[in-house]
Amino acid sequence: MRTDIREDQDWKTLLSFLPEGLTELAFSTGAIQRAREVRTGEDLLRLNLVYGDDEMSLRQVSAWSRSNGIADISDVALLKRLRLSGPFLKQIASSLLGQVSVPGSALRAVVLDATTLSRQRSRGSDFRVHVSYELSTGRVSGVELTDASEGERLTRAVAGEGDLVIVDRGYQGRAPLAEVRQSGAHILLRFHPGSLPLEAPEGLRLSPLRAARSLSIGQTLDIPVRTVPTKNAPAVQGRLVVLKKTESQAQKDLKRLKQRAKEDGRDIGEDALQASRFVFLFSTLAQEQADARQILEIYRLRWQIEMLFKKVKGIVSLGETAAKDFALCEAMILSQLIVLLLIQAYESAFFPWGYPLRRPQPLALVSG
């Protein structure tokens, strides 16, 4: 996006992609309580985005604001405004997201994944950004920001009839699977054989690893299964699809597995070593909707969200937040996510005049 929010003309262009009523929103969320230094929601958002760009300190943003006639505000007062901006920024980010229909497609394929962020000089992860990403359109369709203690959950996906939610091994759990399936959405999950208890349709317990051991390279296992029901989770009907990896890929993945185990201070069991040679998928799609090869190809497209996270961090520096308190960090990260969503909207839109119209404009009368 060849724009600079510090330039007035570029800022006016970007405002056309944002919802109306930003001032009312700022007051209703408590981001502005009295119209003193910062009087409008547009100005408050701009200050957040400029600071969130992570190139200027609070004192520098304050000086820039005064010199450009935006707000005569000290760095201390600016800090207070930014720290109160979280709910305001969340609603703006939500407004930039939208359900995107895919013409000619029976299912809306959505990848759900998360990435962690750290403050400077932090010894661990401080935040987690949960992202829903539409494969068919290449668009972010959902964002949720939490602290790092909140893990990945399948139910974070806003999904329903006509959706296919694609997730990796961090999203296992029979109760979330059942909840998402009851919403009408389909699921495609990569899983650890020991973490998702499965049984045959007649109720006999099934070992995915034992079933996969006879596979050769290029062969796929595709059998009907269901999750073992619990008190809180009814059985979910689906299919077990397994593919054996090449020796080189298996060794590469095994190396990563051993490294993670070493970092966590744990041993790897024999079953885990054997399971690392296969890809195990559980899907609720029926055979007529997708055969085993199609299911594997759909899952393979999940790598796109990894590219998205790299793009996000490259464009808006999500991993380099310098703020020391949670509220300010939250405002910075949300500001950067808004920049990402504006980039998405800007790059995907085509207007001969360069921006969308907020409302029908009156015809200028020409006297003559």
Protein backbone atom coordinates (compact mmCIF):
# COMPACT_ATOMS: atom_id res chain seq x y z
CA MET A 1 0.00 0.00 0.00
CA ARG A 2 1.77 3.12 -1.22
CA THR A 3 0.26 5.44 1.34
CA ASP A 4 1.51 7.19 4.46
CA ILE A 5 -1.03 7.88 7.21
CA ARG A 6 1.08 10.86 8.28
CA GLU A 7 0.31 12.54 4.94
CA ASP A 8 -3.08 14.33 4.92
CA GLN A 9 -4.06 13.31 1.38
CA ASP A 10 -3.26 9.64 1.97
CA TRP A 11 -5.10 9.73 5.30
CA LYS A 12 -8.22 11.13 3.63
CA THR A 13 -8.07 8.31 1.08
CA LEU A 14 -7.81 5.65 3.79
CA LEU A 15 -10.68 7.21 5.74
CA SER A 16 -12.99 6.27 2.86
CA PHE A 17 -12.31 2.59 3.64
CA LEU A 18 -13.23 3.06 7.31
CA PRO A 19 -16.71 3.04 8.87
CA GLU A 20 -18.56 6.28 9.52
CA GLY A 21 -19.35 7.43 13.05
CA LEU A 22 -15.85 7.04 14.45
CA THR A 23 -16.34 9.93 16.90
CA GLU A 24 -19.54 8.42 18.29
CA LEU A 25 -17.76 5.08 18.56
CA ALA A 26 -14.84 6.66 20.42
CA PHE A 27 -17.19 8.19 23.01
CA SER A 28 -19.34 5.06 23.40
CA THR A 29 -16.29 2.85 24.04
CA GLY A 30 -14.72 5.32 26.47
CA ALA A 31 -11.69 6.00 24.28
CA ILE A 32 -12.68 9.68 24.33
CA GLN A 33 -14.41 10.86 27.50
CA ARG A 34 -14.15 14.61 27.06
CA ALA A 35 -13.45 16.39 23.77
CA ARG A 36 -10.39 18.26 24.95
CA GLU A 37 -7.02 17.52 23.29
CA VAL A 38 -8.39 14.81 20.96
CA ARG A 39 -11.82 15.79 19.66
CA THR A 40 -12.74 13.26 16.99
CA GLY A 41 -12.57 9.52 16.48
CA GLU A 42 -10.73 10.04 13.18
CA ASP A 43 -7.96 11.93 15.00
CA LEU A 44 -7.76 9.32 17.76
CA LEU A 45 -7.49 6.49 15.23
CA ARG A 46 -4.81 8.34 13.29
CA LEU A 47 -2.75 8.88 16.43
CA ASN A 48 -3.05 5.18 17.25
CA LEU A 49 -1.98 4.12 13.75
CA VAL A 50 0.97 6.50 13.68
CA TYR A 51 2.20 5.27 17.06
CA GLY A 52 1.42 1.65 16.14
CA ASP A 53 3.73 1.98 13.14
CA ASP A 54 6.48 1.56 15.77
CA GLU A 55 8.80 4.16 14.25
CA MET A 56 8.03 7.10 16.55
CA SER A 57 8.08 7.47 20.32
CA LEU A 58 5.18 8.94 22.28
CA ARG A 59 7.05 12.25 22.47
CA GLN A 60 7.64 12.24 18.70
CA VAL A 61 3.99 11.40 17.92
CA SER A 62 2.92 14.19 20.28
CA ALA A 63 5.18 16.69 18.50
CA TRP A 64 4.01 15.50 15.07
CA SER A 65 0.38 15.86 16.17
CA ARG A 66 0.91 19.45 17.34
CA SER A 67 2.84 20.50 14.24
CA ASN A 68 0.16 19.08 11.95
CA GLY A 69 -2.76 20.65 13.82
CA ILE A 70 -4.31 17.31 14.79
CA ALA A 71 -4.22 17.62 18.57
CA ASP A 72 -2.27 19.78 21.01
CA ILE A 73 -1.45 16.90 23.34
CA SER A 74 1.45 16.03 25.60
CA ASP A 75 3.12 12.61 25.48
CA VAL A 76 1.64 11.77 28.92
CA ALA A 77 -1.89 12.66 27.79
CA LEU A 78 -1.34 10.76 24.53
CA LEU A 79 -0.31 7.67 26.48
CA LYS A 80 -3.57 7.83 28.44
CA ARG A 81 -5.61 8.11 25.22
CA LEU A 82 -3.85 5.19 23.58
CA ARG A 83 -4.25 2.97 26.65
CA LEU A 84 -8.03 3.55 26.57
CA SER A 85 -8.30 2.79 22.85
CA GLY A 86 -8.51 -1.02 22.93
CA PRO A 87 -12.33 -1.44 22.67
CA PHE A 88 -12.48 1.37 20.08
CA LEU A 89 -9.83 -0.30 17.89
CA LYS A 90 -11.40 -3.75 18.26
CA GLN A 91 -14.68 -2.52 16.81
CA ILE A 92 -12.92 -0.81 13.92
CA ALA A 93 -10.98 -3.99 13.14
CA SER A 94 -14.23 -5.98 13.25
CA SER A 95 -15.89 -3.53 10.85
CA LEU A 96 -13.10 -4.09 8.31
CA LEU A 97 -13.77 -7.82 8.34
CA GLY A 98 -16.61 -9.25 6.36
CA GLN A 99 -18.04 -12.49 5.10
CA VAL A 100 -16.88 -12.90 1.53
CA SER A 101 -19.03 -15.09 -0.68
CA VAL A 102 -17.30 -17.34 -3.19
CA PRO A 103 -19.35 -17.62 -6.41
CA GLY A 104 -19.66 -21.16 -7.70
CA SER A 105 -18.25 -22.76 -4.56
CA ALA A 106 -20.31 -25.01 -2.30
CA LEU A 107 -18.05 -24.49 0.70
CA ARG A 108 -16.24 -21.52 2.18
CA ALA A 109 -12.83 -22.92 3.16
CA VAL A 110 -11.46 -21.12 6.23
CA VAL A 111 -8.09 -21.79 7.87
CA LEU A 112 -7.93 -21.02 11.59
CA ASP A 113 -4.50 -20.50 13.12
CA ALA A 114 -2.65 -18.35 15.63
CA THR A 115 0.71 -16.69 16.07
CA THR A 116 2.38 -15.40 19.23
CA LEU A 117 3.91 -11.97 19.76
CA SER A 118 6.39 -10.70 22.32
CA ARG A 119 7.26 -7.35 23.78
CA GLN A 120 10.84 -6.20 23.46
CA ARG A 121 13.14 -7.84 26.01
CA SER A 122 10.38 -10.25 26.97
CA ARG A 123 11.55 -13.77 27.80
CA GLY A 124 8.43 -15.42 26.48
CA SER A 125 5.28 -14.86 24.46
CA ASP A 126 2.95 -12.10 25.62
CA PHE A 127 0.10 -12.09 23.09
CA ARG A 128 -1.62 -14.45 20.72
CA VAL A 129 -3.33 -13.33 17.52
CA HIS A 130 -5.99 -15.76 16.30
CA VAL A 131 -6.69 -15.38 12.57
CA SER A 132 -9.32 -16.85 10.25
CA TYR A 133 -8.18 -16.84 6.63
CA GLU A 134 -10.33 -17.60 3.58
CA LEU A 135 -8.48 -19.78 1.10
CA SER A 136 -10.72 -18.99 -1.87
CA THR A 137 -10.31 -15.23 -1.63
CA GLY A 138 -6.99 -14.85 0.18
CA ARG A 139 -8.65 -12.57 2.74
CA VAL A 140 -8.53 -12.33 6.50
CA SER A 141 -12.11 -12.88 7.69
CA GLY A 142 -11.61 -12.92 11.46
CA VAL A 143 -9.10 -11.63 14.02
CA GLU A 144 -9.02 -12.05 17.79
CA LEU A 145 -6.30 -10.77 20.11
CA THR A 146 -5.70 -12.44 23.49
CA ASP A 147 -2.86 -12.74 25.94
CA ALA A 148 -0.55 -15.71 25.42
CA SER A 149 -2.16 -17.74 28.21
CA GLU A 150 -5.28 -18.27 26.07
CA GLY A 151 -4.66 -21.16 23.74
CA GLU A 152 -5.87 -22.20 20.32
CA ARG A 153 -9.50 -23.32 20.24
CA LEU A 154 -11.52 -24.60 17.32
CA THR A 155 -14.57 -22.69 18.56
CA ARG A 156 -12.81 -19.38 17.86
CA ALA A 157 -13.79 -19.89 14.24
CA VAL A 158 -17.02 -18.10 13.33
CA ALA A 159 -18.43 -20.87 11.19
CA GLY A 160 -21.75 -22.30 10.16
CA GLU A 161 -23.62 -24.02 7.35
CA GLY A 162 -21.56 -24.08 4.17
CA ASP A 163 -18.17 -23.59 5.87
CA LEU A 164 -15.16 -25.90 6.00
CA VAL A 165 -12.83 -25.10 8.91
CA ILE A 166 -9.25 -26.29 8.38
CA VAL A 167 -7.03 -26.57 11.45
CA ASP A 168 -3.76 -28.11 12.54
CA ARG A 169 -2.84 -30.21 15.55
CA GLY A 170 -3.20 -27.46 18.13
CA TYR A 171 -7.00 -27.53 17.74
CA GLN A 172 -7.80 -31.05 18.88
CA GLY A 173 -10.54 -31.81 21.37
CA ARG A 174 -13.77 -33.77 21.03
CA ALA A 175 -16.04 -31.17 22.62
CA PRO A 176 -14.99 -28.32 20.26
CA LEU A 177 -15.25 -30.69 17.30
CA ALA A 178 -18.79 -31.57 18.27
CA GLU A 179 -19.74 -27.92 18.86
CA VAL A 180 -18.46 -26.75 15.48
CA ARG A 181 -20.07 -29.69 13.71
CA GLN A 182 -23.40 -28.96 15.41
CA SER A 183 -23.22 -25.44 13.96
CA GLY A 184 -23.43 -26.98 10.49
CA ALA A 185 -19.78 -26.41 9.55
CA HIS A 186 -17.49 -29.16 8.29
CA ILE A 187 -14.03 -29.80 9.77
CA LEU A 188 -10.67 -30.85 8.35
CA LEU A 189 -8.23 -31.50 11.18
CA ARG A 190 -4.69 -32.77 11.26
CA PHE A 191 -4.20 -34.64 14.53
CA HIS A 192 -1.88 -36.74 16.68
CA PRO A 193 -3.12 -40.37 16.75
CA GLY A 194 -2.88 -40.52 20.53
CA SER A 195 -4.78 -37.26 21.08
CA LEU A 196 -8.05 -37.91 19.27
CA PRO A 197 -9.73 -41.20 20.30
CA LEU A 198 -11.50 -42.76 17.31
CA GLU A 199 -13.67 -45.78 16.78
CA ALA A 200 -15.18 -47.65 13.85
CA PRO A 201 -18.85 -46.93 13.02
CA GLU A 202 -19.91 -50.08 14.88
CA GLY A 203 -18.23 -48.84 18.07
CA LEU A 204 -14.96 -50.80 18.09
CA ARG A 205 -11.95 -48.77 19.22
CA LEU A 206 -9.56 -48.00 16.34
CA SER A 207 -5.80 -47.32 16.32
CA PRO A 208 -4.96 -44.89 13.47
CA LEU A 209 -1.26 -45.75 13.73
CA ARG A 210 -1.87 -49.49 13.50
CA ALA A 211 -4.17 -48.94 10.53
CA ALA A 212 -1.52 -46.84 8.77
CA ARG A 213 1.53 -49.08 9.23
CA SER A 214 0.93 -51.10 6.06
CA LEU A 215 0.84 -48.00 3.83
CA SER A 216 3.46 -47.43 1.15
CA ILE A 217 4.51 -44.10 -0.31
CA GLY A 218 1.67 -42.74 -2.45
CA GLN A 219 -1.02 -44.95 -0.93
CA THR A 220 -3.84 -43.35 1.07
CA LEU A 221 -5.96 -44.81 3.82
CA ASP A 222 -9.57 -43.57 3.78
CA ILE A 223 -11.99 -45.23 6.19
CA PRO A 224 -15.17 -44.14 8.01
CA VAL A 225 -14.69 -43.39 11.71
CA ARG A 226 -16.23 -41.39 14.51
CA THR A 227 -14.85 -39.73 17.62
CA VAL A 228 -15.32 -41.67 20.83
CA PRO A 229 -18.20 -39.93 22.65
CA THR A 230 -17.83 -38.47 26.13
CA LYS A 231 -20.29 -37.07 28.66
CA ASN A 232 -19.80 -33.57 27.22
CA ALA A 233 -19.20 -34.44 23.57
CA PRO A 234 -21.36 -36.61 21.32
CA ALA A 235 -19.62 -38.68 18.65
CA VAL A 236 -18.70 -36.81 15.47
CA GLN A 237 -18.99 -38.87 12.30
CA GLY A 238 -16.13 -38.50 9.86
CA ARG A 239 -13.33 -40.12 7.92
CA LEU A 240 -9.76 -41.01 8.73
CA VAL A 241 -7.41 -40.13 5.87
CA VAL A 242 -3.72 -41.06 6.20
CA LEU A 243 -0.76 -40.62 3.87
CA LYS A 244 2.81 -41.81 4.39
CA LYS A 245 5.61 -39.26 4.11
CA THR A 246 8.78 -39.72 2.08
CA GLU A 247 11.84 -40.72 4.10
CA SER A 248 13.45 -37.30 3.62
CA GLN A 249 10.32 -35.45 4.78
CA ALA A 250 9.89 -37.83 7.71
CA GLN A 251 13.48 -37.23 8.84
CA LYS A 252 13.04 -33.48 8.54
CA ASP A 253 9.86 -33.54 10.66
CA LEU A 254 11.44 -35.97 13.15
CA LYS A 255 14.33 -33.57 13.64
CA ARG A 256 11.91 -30.76 14.51
CA LEU A 257 9.97 -33.09 16.83
CA LYS A 258 13.14 -34.05 18.72
CA GLN A 259 14.20 -30.41 19.00
CA ARG A 260 10.85 -29.37 20.51
CA ALA A 261 10.96 -32.32 22.91
CA LYS A 262 14.46 -31.32 24.02
CA GLU A 263 13.35 -27.72 24.60
CA ASP A 264 10.36 -28.96 26.64
CA GLY A 265 12.49 -31.43 28.60
CA ARG A 266 10.47 -34.50 27.65
CA ASP A 267 11.07 -37.85 25.96
CA ILE A 268 9.46 -39.02 22.73
CA GLY A 269 7.60 -42.32 22.88
CA GLU A 270 7.93 -45.01 20.24
CA ASP A 271 4.39 -44.44 18.97
CA ALA A 272 5.12 -40.73 18.48
CA LEU A 273 8.27 -41.61 16.54
CA GLN A 274 6.32 -43.93 14.27
CA ALA A 275 3.44 -41.48 13.87
CA SER A 276 5.85 -38.78 12.64
CA ARG A 277 6.16 -40.79 9.41
CA PHE A 278 2.52 -40.18 8.46
CA VAL A 279 0.01 -37.37 8.00
CA PHE A 280 -3.22 -38.11 9.91
CA LEU A 281 -6.36 -36.18 8.94
CA PHE A 282 -9.88 -36.31 10.34
CA SER A 283 -12.58 -34.86 8.11
CA THR A 284 -16.37 -34.67 8.30
CA LEU A 285 -16.66 -34.23 4.52
CA ALA A 286 -18.57 -37.02 2.80
CA GLN A 287 -16.95 -39.06 0.04
CA GLU A 288 -19.12 -37.38 -2.61
CA GLN A 289 -17.88 -33.98 -1.42
CA ALA A 290 -14.18 -34.83 -1.55
CA ASP A 291 -12.19 -38.01 -2.04
CA ALA A 292 -9.00 -38.73 -0.10
CA ARG A 293 -6.75 -36.98 -2.61
CA GLN A 294 -8.94 -33.86 -2.60
CA ILE A 295 -8.93 -33.78 1.20
CA LEU A 296 -5.12 -33.95 1.22
CA GLU A 297 -4.90 -31.22 -1.41
CA ILE A 298 -7.28 -28.99 0.57
CA TYR A 299 -5.20 -29.46 3.71
CA ARG A 300 -2.00 -28.72 1.78
CA LEU A 301 -3.33 -25.23 1.01
CA ARG A 302 -3.14 -24.48 4.74
CA TRP A 303 0.44 -23.29 4.19
CA GLN A 304 -1.06 -20.03 2.88
CA ILE A 305 -1.77 -18.84 6.41
CA GLU A 306 1.89 -19.40 7.32
CA MET A 307 2.76 -17.08 4.43
CA LEU A 308 0.15 -14.64 5.74
CA PHE A 309 1.79 -14.51 9.18
CA LYS A 310 5.17 -13.85 7.57
CA LYS A 311 3.59 -11.10 5.47
CA VAL A 312 1.88 -9.61 8.52
CA LYS A 313 5.08 -9.48 10.55
CA GLY A 314 7.02 -8.15 7.58
CA ILE A 315 4.55 -5.33 6.88
CA VAL A 316 3.46 -4.18 10.31
CA SER A 317 6.20 -5.55 12.62
CA LEU A 318 3.83 -7.38 14.94
CA GLY A 319 6.70 -9.09 16.71
CA GLU A 320 8.49 -5.91 17.75
CA THR A 321 6.16 -4.08 20.12
CA ALA A 322 8.16 -1.89 22.45
CA ALA A 323 5.37 -0.93 24.85
CA LYS A 324 5.72 -2.24 28.40
CA ASP A 325 2.13 -2.34 29.68
CA PHE A 326 -0.62 -4.61 28.40
CA ALA A 327 -3.13 -1.90 27.47
CA LEU A 328 -0.64 0.01 25.34
CA CYS A 329 0.64 -3.19 23.74
CA GLU A 330 -2.94 -4.13 22.90
CA ALA A 331 -3.55 -0.73 21.28
CA MET A 332 -0.35 -1.03 19.25
CA ILE A 333 -1.11 -4.52 17.99
CA LEU A 334 -4.72 -3.69 17.16
CA SER A 335 -3.52 -0.59 15.29
CA GLN A 336 -1.15 -2.72 13.27
CA LEU A 337 -3.89 -5.23 12.50
CA ILE A 338 -6.08 -2.37 11.27
CA VAL A 339 -3.22 -1.32 8.98
CA LEU A 340 -3.08 -4.89 7.63
CA LEU A 341 -6.83 -4.92 7.01
CA LEU A 342 -6.65 -1.53 5.31
CA ILE A 343 -3.87 -2.86 3.09
CA GLN A 344 -6.12 -5.80 2.26
CA ALA A 345 -9.07 -3.54 1.44
CA TYR A 346 -6.92 -1.08 -0.51
CA GLU A 347 -5.19 -3.71 -2.62
CA SER A 348 -8.34 -5.68 -3.43
CA ALA A 349 -10.45 -2.66 -4.39
CA PHE A 350 -10.52 -1.00 -7.78
CA PHE A 351 -11.96 2.44 -8.20
CA PRO A 352 -11.02 4.62 -11.20
CA TRP A 353 -10.87 7.54 -8.77
CA GLY A 354 -8.80 5.63 -6.19
CA TYR A 355 -11.19 5.29 -3.22
CA PRO A 356 -14.72 4.11 -2.34
CA LEU A 357 -17.56 6.60 -1.90
CA ARG A 358 -19.02 6.66 1.59
CA ARG A 359 -22.45 7.80 0.38
CA PRO A 360 -23.93 9.19 -2.86
CA GLN A 361 -22.38 12.59 -3.43
CA PRO A 362 -24.55 15.56 -4.50
CA LEU A 363 -24.00 16.92 -7.95
CA ALA A 364 -22.10 20.20 -7.82
CA LEU A 365 -24.15 22.89 -9.50
CA VAL A 366 -22.28 24.92 -12.09
CA SER A 367 -23.57 28.40 -12.66
CA GLY A 368 -23.16 29.73 -16.10
